[in-house]
């Protein structure tokens, strides 16, 4: 995903990746990333939890708008609810 994001950025399209493995994002270096501590396959949160999903999307859009340094990774404060 980070490699695609860099190509899109080169074409003038701003991107932000939502990642669940910080070490992968650090290696791939997407232009901007939001790190969520959620299980693989659920980057926006639990199925049916619209409040969490909207919140994660809002956080990602904030990273997109506010990150000024390439390679910025922001940690989401959200925790997986069981």
N, C-alpha and C. Protein backbone atom coordinates (compact mmCIF):
# COMPACT_ATOMS: atom_id res chain seq x y z
N UNK A 1 0.82 -1.19 0.00
CA UNK A 1 0.00 0.00 0.00
C UNK A 1 0.87 1.26 0.00
N UNK A 2 1.92 1.27 0.78
CA UNK A 2 2.79 2.43 0.85
C UNK A 2 3.48 2.72 -0.47
N UNK A 3 3.81 1.67 -1.21
CA UNK A 3 4.45 1.87 -2.51
C UNK A 3 3.48 2.52 -3.49
N UNK A 4 2.23 2.08 -3.47
CA UNK A 4 1.20 2.69 -4.33
C UNK A 4 0.97 4.13 -3.92
N UNK A 5 0.95 4.38 -2.61
CA UNK A 5 0.74 5.74 -2.11
C UNK A 5 1.83 6.68 -2.63
N UNK A 6 3.07 6.21 -2.64
CA UNK A 6 4.15 7.07 -3.12
C UNK A 6 3.98 7.40 -4.60
N UNK A 7 3.55 6.43 -5.41
CA UNK A 7 3.32 6.68 -6.83
C UNK A 7 2.18 7.69 -7.02
N UNK A 8 1.10 7.52 -6.25
CA UNK A 8 -0.02 8.47 -6.32
C UNK A 8 0.43 9.87 -5.92
N UNK A 9 1.25 9.97 -4.89
CA UNK A 9 1.77 11.27 -4.45
C UNK A 9 2.59 11.93 -5.56
N UNK A 10 3.39 11.15 -6.25
CA UNK A 10 4.19 11.69 -7.35
C UNK A 10 3.31 12.24 -8.46
N UNK A 11 2.08 11.68 -8.58
CA UNK A 11 1.12 12.16 -9.58
C UNK A 11 0.29 13.33 -9.06
N UNK A 12 0.57 13.77 -7.84
CA UNK A 12 -0.13 14.92 -7.28
C UNK A 12 -1.37 14.59 -6.48
N UNK A 13 -1.57 13.32 -6.14
CA UNK A 13 -2.73 12.91 -5.35
C UNK A 13 -2.28 12.62 -3.92
N UNK A 14 -2.80 13.38 -2.97
CA UNK A 14 -2.42 13.21 -1.57
C UNK A 14 -3.00 11.90 -1.03
N UNK A 15 -2.22 11.21 -0.20
CA UNK A 15 -2.63 9.92 0.35
C UNK A 15 -2.34 9.83 1.84
N UNK A 16 -3.06 8.95 2.50
CA UNK A 16 -2.75 8.54 3.87
C UNK A 16 -3.10 7.05 3.96
N UNK A 17 -2.20 6.28 4.55
CA UNK A 17 -2.42 4.84 4.71
C UNK A 17 -2.83 4.57 6.16
N UNK A 18 -3.77 3.67 6.34
CA UNK A 18 -4.13 3.20 7.67
C UNK A 18 -3.43 1.86 7.83
N UNK A 19 -2.53 1.78 8.81
CA UNK A 19 -1.68 0.59 8.95
C UNK A 19 -1.88 -0.06 10.31
N UNK A 20 -1.67 -1.38 10.34
CA UNK A 20 -1.78 -2.12 11.58
C UNK A 20 -0.44 -2.71 12.02
N UNK A 21 0.57 -2.52 11.21
CA UNK A 21 1.93 -2.97 11.55
C UNK A 21 2.88 -1.79 11.37
N UNK A 22 3.22 -1.17 12.48
CA UNK A 22 4.08 0.02 12.44
C UNK A 22 5.41 -0.28 11.76
N UNK A 23 6.00 -1.44 12.06
CA UNK A 23 7.33 -1.76 11.50
C UNK A 23 7.28 -1.87 9.98
N UNK A 24 6.18 -2.33 9.43
CA UNK A 24 6.05 -2.40 7.98
C UNK A 24 5.98 -0.98 7.40
N UNK A 25 5.19 -0.12 8.03
CA UNK A 25 5.10 1.27 7.57
C UNK A 25 6.45 1.97 7.65
N UNK A 26 7.20 1.68 8.70
CA UNK A 26 8.53 2.30 8.83
C UNK A 26 9.47 1.84 7.72
N UNK A 27 9.33 0.60 7.28
CA UNK A 27 10.18 0.09 6.21
C UNK A 27 9.73 0.56 4.83
N UNK A 28 8.42 0.58 4.58
CA UNK A 28 7.88 0.94 3.27
C UNK A 28 7.85 2.46 3.09
N UNK A 29 7.71 3.18 4.19
CA UNK A 29 7.72 4.65 4.19
C UNK A 29 6.63 5.28 3.32
N UNK A 30 5.36 5.03 3.65
CA UNK A 30 4.30 5.74 2.91
C UNK A 30 4.40 7.23 3.23
N UNK A 31 3.88 8.10 2.37
CA UNK A 31 3.97 9.54 2.62
C UNK A 31 3.39 9.95 3.98
N UNK A 32 2.26 9.36 4.36
CA UNK A 32 1.61 9.62 5.65
C UNK A 32 0.91 8.35 6.07
N UNK A 33 0.89 8.07 7.38
CA UNK A 33 0.22 6.86 7.84
C UNK A 33 -0.41 7.09 9.21
N UNK A 34 -1.53 6.42 9.42
CA UNK A 34 -2.18 6.35 10.72
C UNK A 34 -2.04 4.92 11.20
N UNK A 35 -1.38 4.73 12.34
CA UNK A 35 -1.18 3.40 12.92
C UNK A 35 -2.30 3.12 13.90
N UNK A 36 -3.06 2.04 13.65
CA UNK A 36 -4.14 1.62 14.56
C UNK A 36 -3.78 0.28 15.17
N UNK A 37 -4.07 0.10 16.44
CA UNK A 37 -3.77 -1.16 17.14
C UNK A 37 -4.97 -2.09 17.03
N UNK A 38 -5.32 -2.42 15.81
CA UNK A 38 -6.45 -3.29 15.53
C UNK A 38 -5.92 -4.56 14.87
N UNK A 39 -6.70 -5.65 14.93
CA UNK A 39 -6.26 -6.89 14.26
C UNK A 39 -6.20 -6.72 12.74
N UNK A 40 -5.36 -7.54 12.13
CA UNK A 40 -5.26 -7.52 10.67
C UNK A 40 -6.63 -7.76 10.06
N UNK A 41 -6.93 -7.04 9.01
CA UNK A 41 -8.20 -7.20 8.31
C UNK A 41 -9.30 -6.27 8.80
N UNK A 42 -9.03 -5.52 9.85
CA UNK A 42 -10.05 -4.61 10.39
C UNK A 42 -9.45 -3.23 10.64
N UNK A 43 -8.95 -2.57 9.59
CA UNK A 43 -8.25 -1.29 9.80
C UNK A 43 -9.15 -0.17 10.33
N UNK A 44 -10.46 -0.28 10.12
CA UNK A 44 -11.36 0.77 10.58
C UNK A 44 -12.05 0.43 11.88
N UNK A 45 -11.85 -0.78 12.38
CA UNK A 45 -12.47 -1.18 13.62
C UNK A 45 -13.41 -2.36 13.42
N UNK A 46 -14.12 -2.73 14.49
CA UNK A 46 -15.01 -3.88 14.42
C UNK A 46 -16.14 -3.69 13.41
N UNK A 47 -16.54 -4.78 12.79
CA UNK A 47 -17.68 -4.75 11.87
C UNK A 47 -18.92 -4.26 12.60
N UNK A 48 -19.64 -3.36 11.98
CA UNK A 48 -20.87 -2.84 12.58
C UNK A 48 -20.68 -1.72 13.57
N UNK A 49 -19.43 -1.36 13.89
CA UNK A 49 -19.16 -0.28 14.85
C UNK A 49 -18.92 1.02 14.08
N UNK A 50 -20.02 1.63 13.63
CA UNK A 50 -19.93 2.82 12.78
C UNK A 50 -19.24 3.98 13.49
N UNK A 51 -19.41 4.11 14.79
CA UNK A 51 -18.79 5.21 15.52
C UNK A 51 -17.26 5.12 15.45
N UNK A 52 -16.73 3.93 15.71
CA UNK A 52 -15.28 3.73 15.63
C UNK A 52 -14.79 3.92 14.21
N UNK A 53 -15.52 3.39 13.24
CA UNK A 53 -15.11 3.49 11.85
C UNK A 53 -15.06 4.94 11.39
N UNK A 54 -16.08 5.73 11.74
CA UNK A 54 -16.06 7.16 11.40
C UNK A 54 -14.90 7.86 12.10
N UNK A 55 -14.65 7.47 13.35
CA UNK A 55 -13.55 8.08 14.09
C UNK A 55 -12.20 7.83 13.45
N UNK A 56 -11.95 6.60 13.02
CA UNK A 56 -10.67 6.27 12.37
C UNK A 56 -10.54 7.04 11.07
N UNK A 57 -11.61 7.11 10.30
CA UNK A 57 -11.56 7.87 9.04
C UNK A 57 -11.28 9.34 9.33
N UNK A 58 -11.90 9.88 10.37
CA UNK A 58 -11.64 11.27 10.75
C UNK A 58 -10.19 11.48 11.15
N UNK A 59 -9.62 10.54 11.90
CA UNK A 59 -8.21 10.64 12.29
C UNK A 59 -7.31 10.59 11.06
N UNK A 60 -7.63 9.70 10.12
CA UNK A 60 -6.82 9.58 8.90
C UNK A 60 -6.88 10.88 8.09
N UNK A 61 -8.06 11.47 8.00
CA UNK A 61 -8.18 12.74 7.27
C UNK A 61 -7.41 13.85 7.97
N UNK A 62 -7.38 13.82 9.30
CA UNK A 62 -6.59 14.82 10.04
C UNK A 62 -5.10 14.65 9.75
N UNK A 63 -4.64 13.40 9.68
CA UNK A 63 -3.23 13.15 9.33
C UNK A 63 -2.96 13.68 7.92
N UNK A 64 -3.87 13.43 7.02
CA UNK A 64 -3.73 13.91 5.64
C UNK A 64 -3.60 15.42 5.60
N UNK A 65 -4.41 16.11 6.41
CA UNK A 65 -4.44 17.57 6.40
C UNK A 65 -3.27 18.19 7.16
N UNK A 66 -2.79 17.51 8.20
CA UNK A 66 -1.84 18.16 9.12
C UNK A 66 -0.39 17.70 9.00
N UNK A 67 -0.14 16.51 8.49
CA UNK A 67 1.23 16.00 8.42
C UNK A 67 2.02 16.80 7.40
N UNK A 68 3.16 17.33 7.81
CA UNK A 68 3.97 18.14 6.90
C UNK A 68 5.26 17.44 6.50
N UNK A 69 5.72 16.49 7.30
CA UNK A 69 6.95 15.79 7.00
C UNK A 69 6.67 14.48 6.27
N UNK A 70 7.36 14.21 5.17
CA UNK A 70 7.17 12.92 4.49
C UNK A 70 7.50 11.76 5.43
N UNK A 71 6.71 10.70 5.36
CA UNK A 71 6.96 9.54 6.19
C UNK A 71 6.37 9.63 7.59
N UNK A 72 5.53 10.62 7.84
CA UNK A 72 4.92 10.78 9.15
C UNK A 72 4.02 9.59 9.47
N UNK A 73 4.20 9.03 10.67
CA UNK A 73 3.32 7.97 11.17
C UNK A 73 2.72 8.48 12.48
N UNK A 74 1.40 8.56 12.52
CA UNK A 74 0.69 9.04 13.71
C UNK A 74 0.00 7.84 14.36
N UNK A 75 0.12 7.74 15.68
CA UNK A 75 -0.54 6.66 16.43
C UNK A 75 -1.96 7.06 16.78
N UNK A 76 -2.90 6.19 16.47
CA UNK A 76 -4.28 6.40 16.87
C UNK A 76 -4.40 6.05 18.36
N UNK A 77 -5.15 6.83 19.12
CA UNK A 77 -5.34 6.49 20.52
C UNK A 77 -6.40 5.40 20.73
N UNK A 78 -7.07 4.99 19.69
CA UNK A 78 -8.18 4.04 19.81
C UNK A 78 -7.68 2.64 20.17
N UNK A 79 -8.47 1.97 20.98
CA UNK A 79 -8.17 0.59 21.39
C UNK A 79 -9.25 -0.32 20.83
N UNK A 80 -8.89 -1.53 20.49
CA UNK A 80 -9.85 -2.52 20.00
C UNK A 80 -10.79 -2.89 21.14
N UNK A 81 -12.08 -2.81 20.87
CA UNK A 81 -13.07 -3.21 21.87
C UNK A 81 -13.56 -4.61 21.54
N UNK A 82 -13.56 -5.48 22.52
CA UNK A 82 -13.98 -6.87 22.28
C UNK A 82 -15.43 -7.07 22.53
